[in-house]
Amino acid sequence: MRFLIAALLMTAGMLSPLTSFAASADVEATIKAVNLDAMSLTLDDGKTYSVPEEFNFDGLEAGVRVIVYFTLVDGKRVVDDLEVIQ
């Protein structure tokens, strides 16, 4: 019985639509631009990263080196966390 339940849970996990739509990653780069109106950061890799409304932009400006942890959501890079490199 335990084997059957484990097999069902494993199958359900593999077929879950959430696993195919979300992918976490991180990137180390330098901030190229900060857009407060659009709530986004553009890095020197040429990509734009959206940030949540409660995001704190203090200390972030062009030229600051960061590690950005993000998730791909509907083709957009959404920042989960950000670390400033000194």
PDB file of N, CA and C in Angstrom:
ATOM      1  N   MET A   1       0.819  -1.189   0.000  1.00  0.00           N
ATOM      2  CA  MET A   1       0.000   0.000   0.000  1.00  0.00           C
ATOM      3  C   MET A   1       0.875   1.270   0.000  1.00  0.00           C
ATOM      4  N   ARG A   2       1.955   1.258   0.798  1.00  0.00           N
ATOM      5  CA  ARG A   2       2.849   2.417   0.837  1.00  0.00           C
ATOM      6  C   ARG A   2       3.504   2.644  -0.516  1.00  0.00           C
ATOM      7  N   PHE A   3       3.854   1.568  -1.179  1.00  0.00           N
ATOM      8  CA  PHE A   3       4.460   1.677  -2.502  1.00  0.00           C
ATOM      9  C   PHE A   3       3.501   2.337  -3.486  1.00  0.00           C
ATOM     10  N   LEU A   4       2.219   1.962  -3.418  1.00  0.00           N
ATOM     11  CA  LEU A   4       1.207   2.530  -4.313  1.00  0.00           C
ATOM     12  C   LEU A   4       1.040   4.026  -4.064  1.00  0.00           C
ATOM     13  N   ILE A   5       0.997   4.427  -2.789  1.00  0.00           N
ATOM     14  CA  ILE A   5       0.845   5.844  -2.450  1.00  0.00           C
ATOM     15  C   ILE A   5       2.079   6.630  -2.907  1.00  0.00           C
ATOM     16  N   ALA A   6       3.261   6.076  -2.662  1.00  0.00           N
ATOM     17  CA  ALA A   6       4.496   6.750  -3.086  1.00  0.00           C
ATOM     18  C   ALA A   6       4.532   6.902  -4.599  1.00  0.00           C
ATOM     19  N   ALA A   7       4.123   5.871  -5.329  1.00  0.00           N
ATOM     20  CA  ALA A   7       4.109   5.936  -6.787  1.00  0.00           C
ATOM     21  C   ALA A   7       3.114   6.987  -7.281  1.00  0.00           C
ATOM     22  N   LEU A   8       1.958   7.076  -6.647  1.00  0.00           N
ATOM     23  CA  LEU A   8       0.955   8.081  -7.033  1.00  0.00           C
ATOM     24  C   LEU A   8       1.461   9.497  -6.762  1.00  0.00           C
ATOM     25  N   LEU A   9       2.077   9.701  -5.604  1.00  0.00           N
ATOM     26  CA  LEU A   9       2.605  11.032  -5.287  1.00  0.00           C
ATOM     27  C   LEU A   9       3.730  11.433  -6.230  1.00  0.00           C
ATOM     28  N   MET A  10       4.586  10.518  -6.580  1.00  0.00           N
ATOM     29  CA  MET A  10       5.677  10.805  -7.499  1.00  0.00           C
ATOM     30  C   MET A  10       5.130  11.159  -8.889  1.00  0.00           C
ATOM     31  N   THR A  11       4.130  10.422  -9.343  1.00  0.00           N
ATOM     32  CA  THR A  11       3.519  10.685 -10.641  1.00  0.00           C
ATOM     33  C   THR A  11       2.832  12.044 -10.643  1.00  0.00           C
ATOM     34  N   ALA A  12       2.102  12.346  -9.574  1.00  0.00           N
ATOM     35  CA  ALA A  12       1.422  13.640  -9.481  1.00  0.00           C
ATOM     36  C   ALA A  12       2.436  14.781  -9.486  1.00  0.00           C
ATOM     37  N   GLY A  13       3.554  14.616  -8.792  1.00  0.00           N
ATOM     38  CA  GLY A  13       4.585  15.652  -8.766  1.00  0.00           C
ATOM     39  C   GLY A  13       5.197  15.891 -10.126  1.00  0.00           C
ATOM     40  N   MET A  14       5.411  14.835 -10.870  1.00  0.00           N
ATOM     41  CA  MET A  14       6.017  14.983 -12.200  1.00  0.00           C
ATOM     42  C   MET A  14       5.055  15.606 -13.195  1.00  0.00           C
ATOM     43  N   LEU A  15       3.768  15.397 -13.003  1.00  0.00           N
ATOM     44  CA  LEU A  15       2.782  15.930 -13.931  1.00  0.00           C
ATOM     45  C   LEU A  15       2.233  17.291 -13.509  1.00  0.00           C
ATOM     46  N   SER A  16       2.688  17.805 -12.384  1.00  0.00           N
ATOM     47  CA  SER A  16       2.204  19.082 -11.872  1.00  0.00           C
ATOM     48  C   SER A  16       2.557  20.204 -12.849  1.00  0.00           C
ATOM     49  N   PRO A  17       1.598  21.044 -13.203  1.00  0.00           N
ATOM     50  CA  PRO A  17       1.873  22.136 -14.141  1.00  0.00           C
ATOM     51  C   PRO A  17       2.802  23.203 -13.557  1.00  0.00           C
ATOM     52  N   LEU A  18       2.875  23.318 -12.240  1.00  0.00           N
ATOM     53  CA  LEU A  18       3.719  24.339 -11.635  1.00  0.00           C
ATOM     54  C   LEU A  18       5.203  24.090 -11.886  1.00  0.00           C
ATOM     55  N   THR A  19       5.599  22.851 -11.972  1.00  0.00           N
ATOM     56  CA  THR A  19       7.010  22.570 -12.166  1.00  0.00           C
ATOM     57  C   THR A  19       7.494  23.003 -13.541  1.00  0.00           C
ATOM     58  N   SER A  20       6.624  23.041 -14.504  1.00  0.00           N
ATOM     59  CA  SER A  20       7.052  23.409 -15.849  1.00  0.00           C
ATOM     60  C   SER A  20       7.008  24.917 -16.098  1.00  0.00           C
ATOM     61  N   PHE A  21       6.336  25.685 -15.232  1.00  0.00           N
ATOM     62  CA  PHE A  21       6.201  27.114 -15.458  1.00  0.00           C
ATOM     63  C   PHE A  21       7.142  27.969 -14.620  1.00  0.00           C
ATOM     64  N   ALA A  22       7.672  27.425 -13.546  1.00  0.00           N
ATOM     65  CA  ALA A  22       8.538  28.209 -12.678  1.00  0.00           C
ATOM     66  C   ALA A  22       9.937  27.612 -12.667  1.00  0.00           C
ATOM     67  N   ALA A  23      10.912  28.491 -12.850  1.00  0.00           N
ATOM     68  CA  ALA A  23      12.294  28.040 -12.818  1.00  0.00           C
ATOM     69  C   ALA A  23      13.115  29.074 -12.053  1.00  0.00           C
ATOM     70  N   SER A  24      13.754  28.657 -10.979  1.00  0.00           N
ATOM     71  CA  SER A  24      14.572  29.577 -10.187  1.00  0.00           C
ATOM     72  C   SER A  24      16.000  29.586 -10.703  1.00  0.00           C
ATOM     73  N   ALA A  25      16.604  30.755 -10.593  1.00  0.00           N
ATOM     74  CA  ALA A  25      17.986  30.894 -11.029  1.00  0.00           C
ATOM     75  C   ALA A  25      18.590  32.104 -10.327  1.00  0.00           C
ATOM     76  N   ASP A  26      19.873  32.311 -10.538  1.00  0.00           N
ATOM     77  CA  ASP A  26      20.517  33.504 -10.017  1.00  0.00           C
ATOM     78  C   ASP A  26      21.539  34.001 -11.040  1.00  0.00           C
ATOM     79  N   VAL A  27      21.852  35.281 -10.918  1.00  0.00           N
ATOM     80  CA  VAL A  27      22.811  35.886 -11.836  1.00  0.00           C
ATOM     81  C   VAL A  27      23.634  36.914 -11.056  1.00  0.00           C
ATOM     82  N   GLU A  28      24.930  36.968 -11.336  1.00  0.00           N
ATOM     83  CA  GLU A  28      25.802  37.975 -10.748  1.00  0.00           C
ATOM     84  C   GLU A  28      26.117  38.986 -11.842  1.00  0.00           C
ATOM     85  N   ALA A  29      25.784  40.252 -11.582  1.00  0.00           N
ATOM     86  CA  ALA A  29      25.957  41.277 -12.609  1.00  0.00           C
ATOM     87  C   ALA A  29      26.012  42.661 -11.966  1.00  0.00           C
ATOM     88  N   THR A  30      26.188  43.672 -12.800  1.00  0.00           N
ATOM     89  CA  THR A  30      26.202  45.060 -12.352  1.00  0.00           C
ATOM     90  C   THR A  30      24.918  45.739 -12.806  1.00  0.00           C
ATOM     91  N   ILE A  31      24.340  46.537 -11.913  1.00  0.00           N
ATOM     92  CA  ILE A  31      23.115  47.259 -12.258  1.00  0.00           C
ATOM     93  C   ILE A  31      23.443  48.312 -13.306  1.00  0.00           C
ATOM     94  N   LYS A  32      22.662  48.300 -14.369  1.00  0.00           N
ATOM     95  CA  LYS A  32      22.827  49.280 -15.453  1.00  0.00           C
ATOM     96  C   LYS A  32      21.825  50.425 -15.281  1.00  0.00           C
ATOM     97  N   ALA A  33      20.586  50.088 -14.837  1.00  0.00           N
ATOM     98  CA  ALA A  33      19.553  51.106 -14.642  1.00  0.00           C
ATOM     99  C   ALA A  33      18.542  50.632 -13.602  1.00  0.00           C
ATOM    100  N   VAL A  34      18.008  51.602 -12.848  1.00  0.00           N
ATOM    101  CA  VAL A  34      16.953  51.345 -11.868  1.00  0.00           C
ATOM    102  C   VAL A  34      15.738  52.151 -12.305  1.00  0.00           C
ATOM    103  N   ASN A  35      14.599  51.488 -12.498  1.00  0.00           N
ATOM    104  CA  ASN A  35      13.380  52.164 -12.928  1.00  0.00           C
ATOM    105  C   ASN A  35      12.341  52.037 -11.821  1.00  0.00           C
ATOM    106  N   LEU A  36      12.181  53.114 -11.028  1.00  0.00           N
ATOM    107  CA  LEU A  36      11.234  53.101  -9.918  1.00  0.00           C
ATOM    108  C   LEU A  36       9.787  53.051 -10.400  1.00  0.00           C
ATOM    109  N   ASP A  37       9.491  53.717 -11.522  1.00  0.00           N
ATOM    110  CA  ASP A  37       8.122  53.737 -12.041  1.00  0.00           C
ATOM    111  C   ASP A  37       7.681  52.362 -12.527  1.00  0.00           C
ATOM    112  N   ALA A  38       8.561  51.659 -13.212  1.00  0.00           N
ATOM    113  CA  ALA A  38       8.232  50.334 -13.744  1.00  0.00           C
ATOM    114  C   ALA A  38       8.543  49.220 -12.752  1.00  0.00           C
ATOM    115  N   MET A  39       9.126  49.592 -11.586  1.00  0.00           N
ATOM    116  CA  MET A  39       9.495  48.611 -10.560  1.00  0.00           C
ATOM    117  C   MET A  39      10.380  47.523 -11.175  1.00  0.00           C
ATOM    118  N   SER A  40      11.510  47.960 -11.749  1.00  0.00           N
ATOM    119  CA  SER A  40      12.395  46.998 -12.412  1.00  0.00           C
ATOM    120  C   SER A  40      13.852  47.433 -12.328  1.00  0.00           C
ATOM    121  N   LEU A  41      14.709  46.459 -12.541  1.00  0.00           N
ATOM    122  CA  LEU A  41      16.151  46.677 -12.619  1.00  0.00           C
ATOM    123  C   LEU A  41      16.627  46.158 -13.957  1.00  0.00           C
ATOM    124  N   THR A  42      17.545  46.880 -14.577  1.00  0.00           N
ATOM    125  CA  THR A  42      18.194  46.391 -15.784  1.00  0.00           C
ATOM    126  C   THR A  42      19.651  46.154 -15.428  1.00  0.00           C
ATOM    127  N   LEU A  43      20.130  44.964 -15.745  1.00  0.00           N
ATOM    128  CA  LEU A  43      21.509  44.607 -15.433  1.00  0.00           C
ATOM    129  C   LEU A  43      22.366  44.679 -16.676  1.00  0.00           C
ATOM    130  N   ASP A  44      23.696  44.589 -16.474  1.00  0.00           N
ATOM    131  CA  ASP A  44      24.602  44.682 -17.614  1.00  0.00           C
ATOM    132  C   ASP A  44      24.555  43.453 -18.515  1.00  0.00           C
ATOM    133  N   ASP A  45      23.745  42.444 -18.135  1.00  0.00           N
ATOM    134  CA  ASP A  45      23.537  41.305 -19.035  1.00  0.00           C
ATOM    135  C   ASP A  45      22.481  41.627 -20.086  1.00  0.00           C
ATOM    136  N   GLY A  46      21.898  42.861 -20.010  1.00  0.00           N
ATOM    137  CA  GLY A  46      20.917  43.315 -20.983  1.00  0.00           C
ATOM    138  C   GLY A  46      19.491  42.909 -20.675  1.00  0.00           C
ATOM    139  N   LYS A  47      19.286  42.239 -19.555  1.00  0.00           N
ATOM    140  CA  LYS A  47      17.945  41.764 -19.208  1.00  0.00           C
ATOM    141  C   LYS A  47      17.343  42.630 -18.114  1.00  0.00           C
ATOM    142  N   THR A  48      16.005  42.714 -18.130  1.00  0.00           N
ATOM    143  CA  THR A  48      15.267  43.484 -17.135  1.00  0.00           C
ATOM    144  C   THR A  48      14.603  42.528 -16.163  1.00  0.00           C
ATOM    145  N   TYR A  49      14.666  42.876 -14.882  1.00  0.00           N
ATOM    146  CA  TYR A  49      14.132  42.052 -13.809  1.00  0.00           C
ATOM    147  C   TYR A  49      13.076  42.849 -13.058  1.00  0.00           C
ATOM    148  N   SER A  50      11.856  42.320 -12.986  1.00  0.00           N
ATOM    149  CA  SER A  50      10.774  42.969 -12.251  1.00  0.00           C
ATOM    150  C   SER A  50      10.945  42.697 -10.768  1.00  0.00           C
ATOM    151  N   VAL A  51      10.533  43.668  -9.944  1.00  0.00           N
ATOM    152  CA  VAL A  51      10.615  43.499  -8.496  1.00  0.00           C
ATOM    153  C   VAL A  51       9.224  43.655  -7.892  1.00  0.00           C
ATOM    154  N   PRO A  52       8.967  43.026  -6.736  1.00  0.00           N
ATOM    155  CA  PRO A  52       7.662  43.162  -6.088  1.00  0.00           C
ATOM    156  C   PRO A  52       7.475  44.581  -5.534  1.00  0.00           C
ATOM    157  N   GLU A  53       6.232  44.942  -5.263  1.00  0.00           N
ATOM    158  CA  GLU A  53       5.915  46.301  -4.809  1.00  0.00           C
ATOM    159  C   GLU A  53       6.617  46.674  -3.510  1.00  0.00           C
ATOM    160  N   GLU A  54       6.833  45.722  -2.621  1.00  0.00           N
ATOM    161  CA  GLU A  54       7.459  46.013  -1.330  1.00  0.00           C
ATOM    162  C   GLU A  54       8.991  46.046  -1.400  1.00  0.00           C
ATOM    163  N   PHE A  55       9.543  45.997  -2.603  1.00  0.00           N
ATOM    164  CA  PHE A  55      10.992  45.968  -2.791  1.00  0.00           C
ATOM    165  C   PHE A  55      11.629  47.267  -2.329  1.00  0.00           C
ATOM    166  N   ASN A  56      12.768  47.181  -1.648  1.00  0.00           N
ATOM    167  CA  ASN A  56      13.490  48.342  -1.127  1.00  0.00           C
ATOM    168  C   ASN A  56      14.654  48.667  -2.065  1.00  0.00           C
ATOM    169  N   PHE A  57      14.586  49.824  -2.709  1.00  0.00           N
ATOM    170  CA  PHE A  57      15.613  50.239  -3.659  1.00  0.00           C
ATOM    171  C   PHE A  57      16.778  50.985  -3.006  1.00  0.00           C
ATOM    172  N   ASP A  58      16.773  51.132  -1.677  1.00  0.00           N
ATOM    173  CA  ASP A  58      17.830  51.877  -0.989  1.00  0.00           C
ATOM    174  C   ASP A  58      19.203  51.305  -1.307  1.00  0.00           C
ATOM    175  N   GLY A  59      20.105  52.159  -1.731  1.00  0.00           N
ATOM    176  CA  GLY A  59      21.478  51.761  -2.025  1.00  0.00           C
ATOM    177  C   GLY A  59      21.677  51.155  -3.402  1.00  0.00           C
ATOM    178  N   LEU A  60      20.614  51.016  -4.179  1.00  0.00           N
ATOM    179  CA  LEU A  60      20.737  50.436  -5.516  1.00  0.00           C
ATOM    180  C   LEU A  60      20.770  51.550  -6.553  1.00  0.00           C
ATOM    181  N   GLU A  61      21.835  51.555  -7.329  1.00  0.00           N
ATOM    182  CA  GLU A  61      21.991  52.529  -8.398  1.00  0.00           C
ATOM    183  C   GLU A  61      22.909  51.917  -9.458  1.00  0.00           C
ATOM    184  N   ALA A  62      23.009  52.583 -10.580  1.00  0.00           N
ATOM    185  CA  ALA A  62      23.863  52.093 -11.663  1.00  0.00           C
ATOM    186  C   ALA A  62      25.288  51.935 -11.157  1.00  0.00           C
ATOM    187  N   GLY A  63      25.915  50.823 -11.519  1.00  0.00           N
ATOM    188  CA  GLY A  63      27.285  50.556 -11.140  1.00  0.00           C
ATOM    189  C   GLY A  63      27.447  49.649  -9.932  1.00  0.00           C
ATOM    190  N   VAL A  64      26.363  49.364  -9.211  1.00  0.00           N
ATOM    191  CA  VAL A  64      26.433  48.498  -8.035  1.00  0.00           C
ATOM    192  C   VAL A  64      26.418  47.034  -8.488  1.00  0.00           C
ATOM    193  N   ARG A  65      27.343  46.256  -7.962  1.00  0.00           N
ATOM    194  CA  ARG A  65      27.443  44.825  -8.303  1.00  0.00           C
ATOM    195  C   ARG A  65      26.521  44.040  -7.379  1.00  0.00           C
ATOM    196  N   VAL A  66      25.678  43.147  -7.962  1.00  0.00           N
ATOM    197  CA  VAL A  66      24.677  42.403  -7.197  1.00  0.00           C
ATOM    198  C   VAL A  66      24.593  40.946  -7.650  1.00  0.00           C
ATOM    199  N   ILE A  67      24.037  40.132  -6.767  1.00  0.00           N
ATOM    200  CA  ILE A  67      23.581  38.797  -7.138  1.00  0.00           C
ATOM    201  C   ILE A  67      22.067  38.846  -7.046  1.00  0.00           C
ATOM    202  N   VAL A  68      21.399  38.533  -8.146  1.00  0.00           N
ATOM    203  CA  VAL A  68      19.941  38.559  -8.197  1.00  0.00           C
ATOM    204  C   VAL A  68      19.433  37.129  -8.274  1.00  0.00           C
ATOM    205  N   TYR A  69      18.575  36.778  -7.320  1.00  0.00           N
ATOM    206  CA  TYR A  69      17.911  35.477  -7.322  1.00  0.00           C
ATOM    207  C   TYR A  69      16.511  35.722  -7.874  1.00  0.00           C
ATOM    208  N   PHE A  70      16.163  35.041  -8.953  1.00  0.00           N
ATOM    209  CA  PHE A  70      14.898  35.332  -9.622  1.00  0.00           C
ATOM    210  C   PHE A  70      14.198  34.055 -10.056  1.00  0.00           C
ATOM    211  N   THR A  71      12.925  34.217 -10.377  1.00  0.00           N
ATOM    212  CA  THR A  71      12.093  33.138 -10.890  1.00  0.00           C
ATOM    213  C   THR A  71      11.486  33.596 -12.201  1.00  0.00           C
ATOM    214  N   LEU A  72      11.454  32.718 -13.181  1.00  0.00           N
ATOM    215  CA  LEU A  72      10.783  33.019 -14.444  1.00  0.00           C
ATOM    216  C   LEU A  72       9.287  32.776 -14.275  1.00  0.00           C
ATOM    217  N   VAL A  73       8.491  33.819 -14.471  1.00  0.00           N
ATOM    218  CA  VAL A  73       7.037  33.724 -14.356  1.00  0.00           C
ATOM    219  C   VAL A  73       6.444  34.290 -15.630  1.00  0.00           C
ATOM    220  N   ASP A  74       5.808  33.460 -16.401  1.00  0.00           N
ATOM    221  CA  ASP A  74       5.199  33.874 -17.669  1.00  0.00           C
ATOM    222  C   ASP A  74       6.205  34.610 -18.562  1.00  0.00           C
ATOM    223  N   GLY A  75       7.421  34.120 -18.588  1.00  0.00           N
ATOM    224  CA  GLY A  75       8.445  34.702 -19.443  1.00  0.00           C
ATOM    225  C   GLY A  75       9.124  35.937 -18.881  1.00  0.00           C
ATOM    226  N   LYS A  76       8.700  36.406 -17.692  1.00  0.00           N
ATOM    227  CA  LYS A  76       9.310  37.579 -17.064  1.00  0.00           C
ATOM    228  C   LYS A  76      10.199  37.126 -15.916  1.00  0.00           C
ATOM    229  N   ARG A  77      11.299  37.816 -15.733  1.00  0.00           N
ATOM    230  CA  ARG A  77      12.195  37.525 -14.613  1.00  0.00           C
ATOM    231  C   ARG A  77      11.738  38.342 -13.412  1.00  0.00           C
ATOM    232  N   VAL A  78      11.318  37.648 -12.338  1.00  0.00           N
ATOM    233  CA  VAL A  78      10.819  38.304 -11.141  1.00  0.00           C
ATOM    234  C   VAL A  78      11.818  38.060 -10.010  1.00  0.00           C
ATOM    235  N   VAL A  79      12.292  39.145  -9.400  1.00  0.00           N
ATOM    236  CA  VAL A  79      13.304  39.062  -8.351  1.00  0.00           C
ATOM    237  C   VAL A  79      12.691  38.468  -7.084  1.00  0.00           C
ATOM    238  N   ASP A  80      13.341  37.411  -6.566  1.00  0.00           N
ATOM    239  CA  ASP A  80      12.960  36.816  -5.289  1.00  0.00           C
ATOM    240  C   ASP A  80      13.809  37.412  -4.161  1.00  0.00           C
ATOM    241  N   ASP A  81      15.080  37.644  -4.454  1.00  0.00           N
ATOM    242  CA  ASP A  81      16.008  38.168  -3.465  1.00  0.00           C
ATOM    243  C   ASP A  81      17.162  38.837  -4.211  1.00  0.00           C
ATOM    244  N   LEU A  82      17.842  39.727  -3.512  1.00  0.00           N
ATOM    245  CA  LEU A  82      18.956  40.451  -4.124  1.00  0.00           C
ATOM    246  C   LEU A  82      20.023  40.651  -3.063  1.00  0.00           C
ATOM    247  N   GLU A  83      21.271  40.440  -3.446  1.00  0.00           N
ATOM    248  CA  GLU A  83      22.396  40.605  -2.532  1.00  0.00           C
ATOM    249  C   GLU A  83      23.408  41.539  -3.173  1.00  0.00           C
ATOM    250  N   VAL A  84      23.805  42.585  -2.441  1.00  0.00           N
ATOM    251  CA  VAL A  84      24.802  43.529  -2.938  1.00  0.00           C
ATOM    252  C   VAL A  84      26.179  42.939  -2.650  1.00  0.00           C
ATOM    253  N   ILE A  85      27.050  42.944  -3.664  1.00  0.00           N
ATOM    254  CA  ILE A  85      28.422  42.460  -3.525  1.00  0.00           C
ATOM    255  C   ILE A  85      29.331  43.647  -3.286  1.00  0.00           C
ATOM    256  N   GLN A  86      30.144  43.568  -2.257  1.00  0.00           N
ATOM    257  CA  GLN A  86      31.030  44.696  -1.935  1.00  0.00           C
ATOM    258  C   GLN A  86      32.450  44.400  -2.288  1.00  0.00           C
TER     259      GLN A  86
END
